Amino acid sequence: MDWKVFLATFGVVFFAELADKTQLVGIGMAAKTGKPLSVWLGSVSAYIIVTVVSVFLGAIMAKFIRPELIRYIGASMFIIIGFLMLFKVI
């Protein structure tokens, strides 16, 4: 295992997910249902599946598209979505 890659990925994902809407959903669901273990298991299961899909897609895309292009496309999508949200289009 490449611990440098592991720790870098952990750090980026941890801070990116900190206080985002996924956590707010978890807080709300746990408060509403009163079943924090079930909410935690559902959240973790969903995130595992999303992560598996994204890692496999990334690995497949890297075979056909340069990683720099993927980064530029991702950054452009964030900027476009940000502008659409800013101007209340979405």
Protein backbone atom coordinates (compact mmCIF):
# COMPACT_ATOMS: atom_id res chain seq x y z
CA MET A 1 0.00 0.00 0.00
CA ASP A 2 1.21 3.47 -0.85
CA TRP A 3 0.72 5.29 2.47
CA LYS A 4 1.50 8.69 0.96
CA VAL A 5 -1.37 8.34 -1.53
CA PHE A 6 -3.63 6.89 1.16
CA LEU A 7 -3.01 9.75 3.59
CA ALA A 8 -3.32 12.41 0.87
CA THR A 9 -6.64 10.93 -0.29
CA PHE A 10 -7.91 10.59 3.27
CA GLY A 11 -7.03 14.20 4.06
CA VAL A 12 -8.61 15.62 0.92
CA VAL A 13 -11.84 13.62 1.25
CA PHE A 14 -12.08 14.24 5.01
CA PHE A 15 -11.82 18.01 4.69
CA ALA A 16 -13.96 18.15 1.54
CA GLU A 17 -16.78 16.28 3.26
CA LEU A 18 -16.54 18.21 6.52
CA ALA A 19 -19.79 20.09 7.16
CA ASP A 20 -21.27 19.48 3.72
CA LYS A 21 -24.89 18.67 2.98
CA THR A 22 -24.24 14.93 3.39
CA GLN A 23 -23.44 15.52 7.05
CA LEU A 24 -26.48 17.74 7.43
CA VAL A 25 -28.64 14.94 6.02
CA GLY A 26 -27.08 12.49 8.49
CA ILE A 27 -27.72 14.86 11.39
CA GLY A 28 -31.31 15.41 10.28
CA MET A 29 -32.04 11.73 9.70
CA ALA A 30 -30.53 10.69 13.04
CA ALA A 31 -32.50 13.39 14.85
CA LYS A 32 -35.75 12.55 13.06
CA THR A 33 -35.58 8.76 13.33
CA GLY A 34 -33.77 8.43 16.65
CA LYS A 35 -31.82 5.52 15.14
CA PRO A 36 -28.26 6.77 14.69
CA LEU A 37 -26.77 3.31 14.02
CA SER A 38 -29.14 2.71 11.09
CA VAL A 39 -28.43 6.19 9.72
CA TRP A 40 -24.69 5.63 10.08
CA LEU A 41 -24.84 2.22 8.35
CA GLY A 42 -26.94 3.65 5.51
CA SER A 43 -24.60 6.63 5.08
CA VAL A 44 -21.44 4.54 5.13
CA SER A 45 -22.91 1.98 2.71
CA ALA A 46 -23.95 4.69 0.26
CA TYR A 47 -20.58 6.41 0.44
CA ILE A 48 -18.75 3.12 -0.14
CA ILE A 49 -20.76 2.48 -3.30
CA VAL A 50 -20.30 6.04 -4.58
CA THR A 51 -16.56 5.82 -3.91
CA VAL A 52 -16.20 2.45 -5.65
CA VAL A 53 -18.01 3.77 -8.72
CA SER A 54 -15.95 6.97 -8.84
CA VAL A 55 -12.62 5.15 -8.40
CA PHE A 56 -13.44 2.65 -11.15
CA LEU A 57 -14.65 5.38 -13.49
CA GLY A 58 -11.51 7.37 -12.77
CA ALA A 59 -9.30 4.37 -13.51
CA ILE A 60 -11.14 3.67 -16.77
CA MET A 61 -11.13 7.32 -17.85
CA ALA A 62 -7.39 7.60 -17.14
CA LYS A 63 -6.75 4.99 -19.82
CA PHE A 64 -8.41 7.13 -22.49
CA ILE A 65 -8.16 10.71 -21.24
CA ARG A 66 -5.19 12.52 -19.74
CA PRO A 67 -5.63 13.18 -15.99
CA GLU A 68 -4.98 16.90 -16.57
CA LEU A 69 -7.99 17.07 -18.90
CA ILE A 70 -10.17 15.31 -16.32
CA ARG A 71 -9.04 17.86 -13.71
CA TYR A 72 -9.83 20.81 -16.02
CA ILE A 73 -13.25 19.39 -16.90
CA GLY A 74 -14.05 18.83 -13.21
CA ALA A 75 -12.93 22.34 -12.26
CA SER A 76 -14.94 23.83 -15.13
CA MET A 77 -18.05 21.97 -14.03
CA PHE A 78 -17.68 23.31 -10.47
CA ILE A 79 -17.33 26.86 -11.79
CA ILE A 80 -20.35 26.50 -14.09
CA ILE A 81 -22.49 25.02 -11.30
CA GLY A 82 -21.32 27.81 -8.97
CA PHE A 83 -22.40 30.50 -11.44
CA LEU A 84 -25.74 28.77 -12.03
CA MET A 85 -26.34 28.64 -8.28
CA LEU A 86 -25.18 32.24 -7.85
CA PHE A 87 -27.68 33.47 -10.42
CA LYS A 88 -30.37 31.09 -9.10
CA VAL A 89 -30.74 29.18 -12.34
CA ILE A 90 -30.55 25.91 -10.42
